[in-house]
PDB file of N, CA and C in Angstrom:
ATOM      1  N   MET A   1     139.624  60.036 101.231  1.00  0.00           N
ATOM      2  CA  MET A   1     138.541  59.288 100.656  1.00  0.00           C
ATOM      3  C   MET A   1     139.092  58.416  99.529  1.00  0.00           C
ATOM      4  N   ALA A   2     138.856  57.139  99.625  1.00  0.00           N
ATOM      5  CA  ALA A   2     139.276  56.215  98.580  1.00  0.00           C
ATOM      6  C   ALA A   2     138.299  56.305  97.410  1.00  0.00           C
ATOM      7  N   THR A   3     138.821  56.218  96.211  1.00  0.00           N
ATOM      8  CA  THR A   3     137.959  56.258  95.031  1.00  0.00           C
ATOM      9  C   THR A   3     138.017  54.920  94.309  1.00  0.00           C
ATOM     10  N   THR A   4     137.030  54.695  93.485  1.00  0.00           N
ATOM     11  CA  THR A   4     136.976  53.487  92.676  1.00  0.00           C
ATOM     12  C   THR A   4     136.417  53.857  91.304  1.00  0.00           C
ATOM     13  N   ASN A   5     136.694  53.032  90.338  1.00  0.00           N
ATOM     14  CA  ASN A   5     136.176  53.260  88.992  1.00  0.00           C
ATOM     15  C   ASN A   5     134.823  52.603  88.837  1.00  0.00           C
ATOM     16  N   LEU A   6     133.965  53.220  88.057  1.00  0.00           N
ATOM     17  CA  LEU A   6     132.656  52.688  87.742  1.00  0.00           C
ATOM     18  C   LEU A   6     132.551  52.630  86.226  1.00  0.00           C
ATOM     19  N   ASN A   7     132.395  51.448  85.695  1.00  0.00           N
ATOM     20  CA  ASN A   7     132.244  51.279  84.248  1.00  0.00           C
ATOM     21  C   ASN A   7     130.793  50.957  83.946  1.00  0.00           C
ATOM     22  N   ILE A   8     130.183  51.756  83.079  1.00  0.00           N
ATOM     23  CA  ILE A   8     128.801  51.505  82.699  1.00  0.00           C
ATOM     24  C   ILE A   8     128.695  51.529  81.174  1.00  0.00           C
ATOM     25  N   CYS A   9     127.759  50.791  80.664  1.00  0.00           N
ATOM     26  CA  CYS A   9     127.494  50.793  79.226  1.00  0.00           C
ATOM     27  C   CYS A   9     126.201  51.554  78.982  1.00  0.00           C
ATOM     28  N   MET A  10     126.215  52.408  77.960  1.00  0.00           N
ATOM     29  CA  MET A  10     125.013  53.144  77.603  1.00  0.00           C
ATOM     30  C   MET A  10     125.046  53.447  76.123  1.00  0.00           C
ATOM     31  N   ASP A  11     123.905  53.796  75.603  1.00  0.00           N
ATOM     32  CA  ASP A  11     123.783  54.183  74.211  1.00  0.00           C
ATOM     33  C   ASP A  11     124.651  55.417  73.954  1.00  0.00           C
ATOM     34  N   LYS A  12     125.392  55.411  72.857  1.00  0.00           N
ATOM     35  CA  LYS A  12     126.304  56.513  72.551  1.00  0.00           C
ATOM     36  C   LYS A  12     125.568  57.847  72.458  1.00  0.00           C
ATOM     37  N   GLU A  13     124.393  57.860  71.815  1.00  0.00           N
ATOM     38  CA  GLU A  13     123.635  59.102  71.676  1.00  0.00           C
ATOM     39  C   GLU A  13     123.167  59.630  73.027  1.00  0.00           C
ATOM     40  N   VAL A  14     122.768  58.728  73.921  1.00  0.00           N
ATOM     41  CA  VAL A  14     122.334  59.136  75.267  1.00  0.00           C
ATOM     42  C   VAL A  14     123.499  59.808  75.985  1.00  0.00           C
ATOM     43  N   LYS A  15     124.671  59.204  75.903  1.00  0.00           N
ATOM     44  CA  LYS A  15     125.861  59.762  76.561  1.00  0.00           C
ATOM     45  C   LYS A  15     126.180  61.147  76.004  1.00  0.00           C
ATOM     46  N   GLU A  16     126.166  61.279  74.683  1.00  0.00           N
ATOM     47  CA  GLU A  16     126.499  62.562  74.060  1.00  0.00           C
ATOM     48  C   GLU A  16     125.488  63.646  74.422  1.00  0.00           C
ATOM     49  N   GLN A  17     124.207  63.296  74.405  1.00  0.00           N
ATOM     50  CA  GLN A  17     123.178  64.283  74.761  1.00  0.00           C
ATOM     51  C   GLN A  17     123.298  64.692  76.226  1.00  0.00           C
ATOM     52  N   ALA A  18     123.543  63.721  77.106  1.00  0.00           N
ATOM     53  CA  ALA A  18     123.702  64.030  78.528  1.00  0.00           C
ATOM     54  C   ALA A  18     124.926  64.911  78.750  1.00  0.00           C
ATOM     55  N   GLU A  19     126.027  64.610  78.067  1.00  0.00           N
ATOM     56  CA  GLU A  19     127.240  65.424  78.213  1.00  0.00           C
ATOM     57  C   GLU A  19     126.993  66.863  77.772  1.00  0.00           C
ATOM     58  N   MET A  20     126.208  67.052  76.722  1.00  0.00           N
ATOM     59  CA  MET A  20     125.899  68.419  76.274  1.00  0.00           C
ATOM     60  C   MET A  20     125.120  69.176  77.343  1.00  0.00           C
ATOM     61  N   ILE A  21     124.135  68.525  77.941  1.00  0.00           N
ATOM     62  CA  ILE A  21     123.333  69.167  78.987  1.00  0.00           C
ATOM     63  C   ILE A  21     124.185  69.443  80.214  1.00  0.00           C
ATOM     64  N   PHE A  22     124.979  68.456  80.648  1.00  0.00           N
ATOM     65  CA  PHE A  22     125.846  68.653  81.813  1.00  0.00           C
ATOM     66  C   PHE A  22     126.811  69.803  81.554  1.00  0.00           C
ATOM     67  N   SER A  23     127.340  69.886  80.353  1.00  0.00           N
ATOM     68  CA  SER A  23     128.263  70.966  80.013  1.00  0.00           C
ATOM     69  C   SER A  23     127.580  72.321  80.150  1.00  0.00           C
ATOM     70  N   GLU A  24     126.340  72.433  79.674  1.00  0.00           N
ATOM     71  CA  GLU A  24     125.598  73.693  79.803  1.00  0.00           C
ATOM     72  C   GLU A  24     125.349  74.043  81.263  1.00  0.00           C
ATOM     73  N   LEU A  25     125.269  73.019  82.116  1.00  0.00           N
ATOM     74  CA  LEU A  25     125.072  73.236  83.547  1.00  0.00           C
ATOM     75  C   LEU A  25     126.389  73.406  84.291  1.00  0.00           C
ATOM     76  N   GLY A  26     127.514  73.355  83.565  1.00  0.00           N
ATOM     77  CA  GLY A  26     128.829  73.528  84.175  1.00  0.00           C
ATOM     78  C   GLY A  26     129.347  72.267  84.843  1.00  0.00           C
ATOM     79  N   LEU A  27     128.859  71.107  84.412  1.00  0.00           N
ATOM     80  CA  LEU A  27     129.251  69.833  85.018  1.00  0.00           C
ATOM     81  C   LEU A  27     129.887  68.928  83.976  1.00  0.00           C
ATOM     82  N   ASN A  28     130.671  67.948  84.462  1.00  0.00           N
ATOM     83  CA  ASN A  28     131.105  66.875  83.583  1.00  0.00           C
ATOM     84  C   ASN A  28     130.361  65.604  83.995  1.00  0.00           C
ATOM     85  N   MET A  29     130.528  64.534  83.238  1.00  0.00           N
ATOM     86  CA  MET A  29     129.792  63.298  83.493  1.00  0.00           C
ATOM     87  C   MET A  29     130.097  62.745  84.886  1.00  0.00           C
ATOM     88  N   THR A  30     131.364  62.724  85.288  1.00  0.00           N
ATOM     89  CA  THR A  30     131.742  62.180  86.595  1.00  0.00           C
ATOM     90  C   THR A  30     131.075  62.954  87.730  1.00  0.00           C
ATOM     91  N   THR A  31     131.118  64.274  87.653  1.00  0.00           N
ATOM     92  CA  THR A  31     130.504  65.104  88.690  1.00  0.00           C
ATOM     93  C   THR A  31     128.997  64.891  88.737  1.00  0.00           C
ATOM     94  N   ALA A  32     128.373  64.831  87.572  1.00  0.00           N
ATOM     95  CA  ALA A  32     126.922  64.635  87.524  1.00  0.00           C
ATOM     96  C   ALA A  32     126.523  63.289  88.119  1.00  0.00           C
ATOM     97  N   ILE A  33     127.250  62.249  87.786  1.00  0.00           N
ATOM     98  CA  ILE A  33     126.930  60.922  88.334  1.00  0.00           C
ATOM     99  C   ILE A  33     127.180  60.896  89.839  1.00  0.00           C
ATOM    100  N   ASN A  34     128.281  61.500  90.291  1.00  0.00           N
ATOM    101  CA  ASN A  34     128.545  61.565  91.737  1.00  0.00           C
ATOM    102  C   ASN A  34     127.446  62.342  92.460  1.00  0.00           C
ATOM    103  N   MET A  35     126.987  63.436  91.879  1.00  0.00           N
ATOM    104  CA  MET A  35     125.885  64.200  92.480  1.00  0.00           C
ATOM    105  C   MET A  35     124.645  63.324  92.607  1.00  0.00           C
ATOM    106  N   PHE A  36     124.329  62.619  91.546  1.00  0.00           N
ATOM    107  CA  PHE A  36     123.162  61.757  91.548  1.00  0.00           C
ATOM    108  C   PHE A  36     123.283  60.667  92.613  1.00  0.00           C
ATOM    109  N   LEU A  37     124.427  60.004  92.692  1.00  0.00           N
ATOM    110  CA  LEU A  37     124.594  58.913  93.652  1.00  0.00           C
ATOM    111  C   LEU A  37     124.554  59.412  95.098  1.00  0.00           C
ATOM    112  N   ARG A  38     125.206  60.534  95.374  1.00  0.00           N
ATOM    113  CA  ARG A  38     125.178  61.085  96.736  1.00  0.00           C
ATOM    114  C   ARG A  38     123.767  61.516  97.132  1.00  0.00           C
ATOM    115  N   ALA A  39     123.061  62.159  96.201  1.00  0.00           N
ATOM    116  CA  ALA A  39     121.694  62.572  96.493  1.00  0.00           C
ATOM    117  C   ALA A  39     120.783  61.351  96.660  1.00  0.00           C
ATOM    118  N   THR A  40     121.017  60.309  95.892  1.00  0.00           N
ATOM    119  CA  THR A  40     120.243  59.074  96.022  1.00  0.00           C
ATOM    120  C   THR A  40     120.407  58.484  97.421  1.00  0.00           C
ATOM    121  N   ILE A  41     121.639  58.471  97.900  1.00  0.00           N
ATOM    122  CA  ILE A  41     121.916  57.961  99.250  1.00  0.00           C
ATOM    123  C   ILE A  41     121.209  58.833 100.285  1.00  0.00           C
ATOM    124  N   HIS A  42     121.342  60.132 100.148  1.00  0.00           N
ATOM    125  CA  HIS A  42     120.738  61.068 101.096  1.00  0.00           C
ATOM    126  C   HIS A  42     119.223  60.931 101.152  1.00  0.00           C
ATOM    127  N   GLU A  43     118.588  60.790  99.986  1.00  0.00           N
ATOM    128  CA  GLU A  43     117.132  60.738  99.893  1.00  0.00           C
ATOM    129  C   GLU A  43     116.565  59.319  99.990  1.00  0.00           C
ATOM    130  N   CYS A  44     117.443  58.326  99.955  1.00  0.00           N
ATOM    131  CA  CYS A  44     117.021  56.915  99.927  1.00  0.00           C
ATOM    132  C   CYS A  44     116.089  56.643  98.743  1.00  0.00           C
ATOM    133  N   GLY A  45     116.398  57.236  97.628  1.00  0.00           N
ATOM    134  CA  GLY A  45     115.607  57.042  96.420  1.00  0.00           C
ATOM    135  C   GLY A  45     116.043  58.023  95.344  1.00  0.00           C
ATOM    136  N   ILE A  46     115.350  58.005  94.220  1.00  0.00           N
ATOM    137  CA  ILE A  46     115.659  58.949  93.143  1.00  0.00           C
ATOM    138  C   ILE A  46     115.432  60.356  93.695  1.00  0.00           C
ATOM    139  N   PRO A  47     116.468  61.196  93.662  1.00  0.00           N
ATOM    140  CA  PRO A  47     116.457  62.398  94.484  1.00  0.00           C
ATOM    141  C   PRO A  47     115.921  63.696  93.884  1.00  0.00           C
ATOM    142  N   PHE A  48     116.067  63.898  92.611  1.00  0.00           N
ATOM    143  CA  PHE A  48     115.776  65.234  92.095  1.00  0.00           C
ATOM    144  C   PHE A  48     115.577  65.214  90.598  1.00  0.00           C
ATOM    145  N   SER A  49     115.087  66.361  90.121  1.00  0.00           N
ATOM    146  CA  SER A  49     114.954  66.577  88.693  1.00  0.00           C
ATOM    147  C   SER A  49     115.827  67.779  88.346  1.00  0.00           C
ATOM    148  N   LEU A  50     116.805  67.586  87.518  1.00  0.00           N
ATOM    149  CA  LEU A  50     117.721  68.660  87.125  1.00  0.00           C
ATOM    150  C   LEU A  50     117.583  68.854  85.628  1.00  0.00           C
ATOM    151  N   LYS A  51     117.000  69.991  85.220  1.00  0.00           N
ATOM    152  CA  LYS A  51     116.780  70.204  83.803  1.00  0.00           C
ATOM    153  C   LYS A  51     117.036  71.648  83.407  1.00  0.00           C
ATOM    154  N   LEU A  52     117.279  71.811  82.142  1.00  0.00           N
ATOM    155  CA  LEU A  52     117.385  73.144  81.571  1.00  0.00           C
ATOM    156  C   LEU A  52     115.979  73.654  81.319  1.00  0.00           C
ATOM    157  N   GLU A  53     115.800  74.949  81.407  1.00  0.00           N
ATOM    158  CA  GLU A  53     114.489  75.512  81.126  1.00  0.00           C
ATOM    159  C   GLU A  53     114.310  75.598  79.621  1.00  0.00           C
ATOM    160  N   VAL A  54     113.309  74.918  79.130  1.00  0.00           N
ATOM    161  CA  VAL A  54     113.003  74.912  77.707  1.00  0.00           C
ATOM    162  C   VAL A  54     111.652  75.592  77.534  1.00  0.00           C
ATOM    163  N   PRO A  55     111.593  76.638  76.718  1.00  0.00           N
ATOM    164  CA  PRO A  55     110.317  77.337  76.574  1.00  0.00           C
ATOM    165  C   PRO A  55     109.257  76.453  75.918  1.00  0.00           C
ATOM    166  N   ASN A  56     108.018  76.623  76.370  1.00  0.00           N
ATOM    167  CA  ASN A  56     106.915  75.873  75.764  1.00  0.00           C
ATOM    168  C   ASN A  56     106.492  76.560  74.460  1.00  0.00           C
ATOM    169  N   ALA A  57     105.541  75.960  73.758  1.00  0.00           N
ATOM    170  CA  ALA A  57     105.114  76.468  72.443  1.00  0.00           C
ATOM    171  C   ALA A  57     104.589  77.898  72.520  1.00  0.00           C
ATOM    172  N   GLU A  58     103.851  78.216  73.583  1.00  0.00           N
ATOM    173  CA  GLU A  58     103.297  79.571  73.731  1.00  0.00           C
ATOM    174  C   GLU A  58     104.411  80.601  73.902  1.00  0.00           C
ATOM    175  N   THR A  59     105.418  80.265  74.698  1.00  0.00           N
ATOM    176  CA  THR A  59     106.536  81.185  74.913  1.00  0.00           C
ATOM    177  C   THR A  59     107.340  81.362  73.634  1.00  0.00           C
ATOM    178  N   ILE A  60     107.569  80.271  72.911  1.00  0.00           N
ATOM    179  CA  ILE A  60     108.298  80.357  71.642  1.00  0.00           C
ATOM    180  C   ILE A  60     107.547  81.258  70.670  1.00  0.00           C
ATOM    181  N   ALA A  61     106.223  81.112  70.611  1.00  0.00           N
ATOM    182  CA  ALA A  61     105.414  81.958  69.724  1.00  0.00           C
ATOM    183  C   ALA A  61     105.521  83.429  70.128  1.00  0.00           C
ATOM    184  N   ALA A  62     105.517  83.705  71.438  1.00  0.00           N
ATOM    185  CA  ALA A  62     105.625  85.091  71.920  1.00  0.00           C
ATOM    186  C   ALA A  62     106.995  85.676  71.579  1.00  0.00           C
ATOM    187  N   ILE A  63     108.035  84.884  71.710  1.00  0.00           N
ATOM    188  CA  ILE A  63     109.389  85.345  71.360  1.00  0.00           C
ATOM    189  C   ILE A  63     109.460  85.678  69.875  1.00  0.00           C
ATOM    190  N   GLU A  64     108.917  84.776  69.047  1.00  0.00           N
ATOM    191  CA  GLU A  64     108.921  85.014  67.599  1.00  0.00           C
ATOM    192  C   GLU A  64     108.123  86.265  67.240  1.00  0.00           C
ATOM    193  N   GLU A  65     106.979  86.470  67.903  1.00  0.00           N
ATOM    194  CA  GLU A  65     106.176  87.671  67.652  1.00  0.00           C
ATOM    195  C   GLU A  65     106.949  88.928  68.052  1.00  0.00           C
ATOM    196  N   GLY A  66     107.615  88.880  69.192  1.00  0.00           N
ATOM    197  CA  GLY A  66     108.408  90.024  69.639  1.00  0.00           C
ATOM    198  C   GLY A  66     109.525  90.353  68.660  1.00  0.00           C
ATOM    199  N   ARG A  67     110.188  89.319  68.145  1.00  0.00           N
ATOM    200  CA  ARG A  67     111.253  89.544  67.159  1.00  0.00           C
ATOM    201  C   ARG A  67     110.680  90.133  65.868  1.00  0.00           C
ATOM    202  N   ARG A  68     109.499  89.635  65.449  1.00  0.00           N
ATOM    203  CA  ARG A  68     108.871  90.154  64.238  1.00  0.00           C
ATOM    204  C   ARG A  68     108.518  91.625  64.421  1.00  0.00           C
ATOM    205  N   ILE A  69     107.930  91.956  65.560  1.00  0.00           N
ATOM    206  CA  ILE A  69     107.548  93.341  65.843  1.00  0.00           C
ATOM    207  C   ILE A  69     108.786  94.235  65.898  1.00  0.00           C
ATOM    208  N   ALA A  70     109.851  93.750  66.545  1.00  0.00           N
ATOM    209  CA  ALA A  70     111.065  94.549  66.697  1.00  0.00           C
ATOM    210  C   ALA A  70     111.725  94.845  65.350  1.00  0.00           C
ATOM    211  N   SER A  71     111.571  93.932  64.397  1.00  0.00           N
ATOM    212  CA  SER A  71     112.229  94.136  63.101  1.00  0.00           C
ATOM    213  C   SER A  71     111.313  94.794  62.063  1.00  0.00           C
ATOM    214  N   ASP A  72     110.068  95.066  62.421  1.00  0.00           N
ATOM    215  CA  ASP A  72     109.108  95.675  61.491  1.00  0.00           C
ATOM    216  C   ASP A  72     109.159  97.192  61.633  1.00  0.00           C
ATOM    217  N   SER A  73     109.699  97.852  60.623  1.00  0.00           N
ATOM    218  CA  SER A  73     109.867  99.309  60.702  1.00  0.00           C
ATOM    219  C   SER A  73     108.537 100.065  60.615  1.00  0.00           C
ATOM    220  N   SER A  74     107.466  99.393  60.212  1.00  0.00           N
ATOM    221  CA  SER A  74     106.172 100.078  60.125  1.00  0.00           C
ATOM    222  C   SER A  74     105.459 100.150  61.475  1.00  0.00           C
ATOM    223  N   ILE A  75     105.976  99.453  62.464  1.00  0.00           N
ATOM    224  CA  ILE A  75     105.368  99.473  63.801  1.00  0.00           C
ATOM    225  C   ILE A  75     106.013 100.576  64.620  1.00  0.00           C
ATOM    226  N   LYS A  76     105.161 101.416  65.223  1.00  0.00           N
ATOM    227  CA  LYS A  76     105.637 102.554  66.010  1.00  0.00           C
ATOM    228  C   LYS A  76     106.412 102.067  67.233  1.00  0.00           C
ATOM    229  N   GLY A  77     107.562 102.692  67.473  1.00  0.00           N
ATOM    230  CA  GLY A  77     108.367 102.383  68.650  1.00  0.00           C
ATOM    231  C   GLY A  77     108.532 103.625  69.513  1.00  0.00           C
ATOM    232  N   TYR A  78     108.983 103.431  70.740  1.00  0.00           N
ATOM    233  CA  TYR A  78     109.142 104.542  71.676  1.00  0.00           C
ATOM    234  C   TYR A  78     110.546 104.495  72.267  1.00  0.00           C
ATOM    235  N   THR A  79     111.110 105.667  72.486  1.00  0.00           N
ATOM    236  CA  THR A  79     112.472 105.761  73.006  1.00  0.00           C
ATOM    237  C   THR A  79     112.523 105.941  74.514  1.00  0.00           C
ATOM    238  N   SER A  80     111.353 106.124  75.132  1.00  0.00           N
ATOM    239  CA  SER A  80     111.326 106.270  76.586  1.00  0.00           C
ATOM    240  C   SER A  80     109.977 105.817  77.127  1.00  0.00           C
ATOM    241  N   MET A  81     109.929 105.508  78.391  1.00  0.00           N
ATOM    242  CA  MET A  81     108.678 105.112  79.040  1.00  0.00           C
ATOM    243  C   MET A  81     107.693 106.278  79.030  1.00  0.00           C
ATOM    244  N   GLU A  82     108.205 107.488  79.184  1.00  0.00           N
ATOM    245  CA  GLU A  82     107.339 108.658  79.199  1.00  0.00           C
ATOM    246  C   GLU A  82     106.579 108.791  77.877  1.00  0.00           C
ATOM    247  N   LYS A  83     107.290 108.605  76.756  1.00  0.00           N
ATOM    248  CA  LYS A  83     106.646 108.710  75.446  1.00  0.00           C
ATOM    249  C   LYS A  83     105.630 107.583  75.243  1.00  0.00           C
ATOM    250  N   LEU A  84     105.944 106.413  75.728  1.00  0.00           N
ATOM    251  CA  LEU A  84     105.000 105.298  75.631  1.00  0.00           C
ATOM    252  C   LEU A  84     103.753 105.596  76.458  1.00  0.00           C
ATOM    253  N   LYS A  85     103.949 106.076  77.704  1.00  0.00           N
ATOM    254  CA  LYS A  85     102.796 106.420  78.556  1.00  0.00           C
ATOM    255  C   LYS A  85     101.949 107.508  77.932  1.00  0.00           C
ATOM    256  N   GLU A  86     102.616 108.489  77.310  1.00  0.00           N
ATOM    257  CA  GLU A  86     101.900 109.546  76.621  1.00  0.00           C
ATOM    258  C   GLU A  86     101.016 108.978  75.516  1.00  0.00           C
ATOM    259  N   ALA A  87     101.582 108.090  74.727  1.00  0.00           N
ATOM    260  CA  ALA A  87     100.835 107.483  73.618  1.00  0.00           C
ATOM    261  C   ALA A  87      99.677 106.639  74.141  1.00  0.00           C
ATOM    262  N   LEU A  88      99.849 106.018  75.290  1.00  0.00           N
ATOM    263  CA  LEU A  88      98.802 105.186  75.896  1.00  0.00           C
ATOM    264  C   LEU A  88      97.831 106.023  76.721  1.00  0.00           C
ATOM    265  N   GLU A  89      98.164 107.295  76.896  1.00  0.00           N
ATOM    266  CA  GLU A  89      97.355 108.212  77.687  1.00  0.00           C
ATOM    267  C   GLU A  89      97.203 107.751  79.138  1.00  0.00           C
ATOM    268  N   VAL A  90      98.330 107.365  79.722  1.00  0.00           N
ATOM    269  CA  VAL A  90      98.351 106.973  81.144  1.00  0.00           C
ATOM    270  C   VAL A  90      99.183 107.922  81.945  1.00  0.00           C
TER     271      VAL A  90
END
């Protein structure tokens, strides 16, 4: 397979942010662009949405509440499911 260079101009911040996301996905810029172009050809259009899962506000609030509860020594904790079920009377 013959290769060729592709030179594109983009905003520096856009490039840096995209590289960070691609890195988290285990990709580099060249691989990500090649994936996009091949999928574009296959689909004859914009092919897919590839994103990291970002928690919404409700999930973030639940995580923060869980951390608060876990670090609060005044809240009763249980060392086994059996003890929890006992306390819940189930």
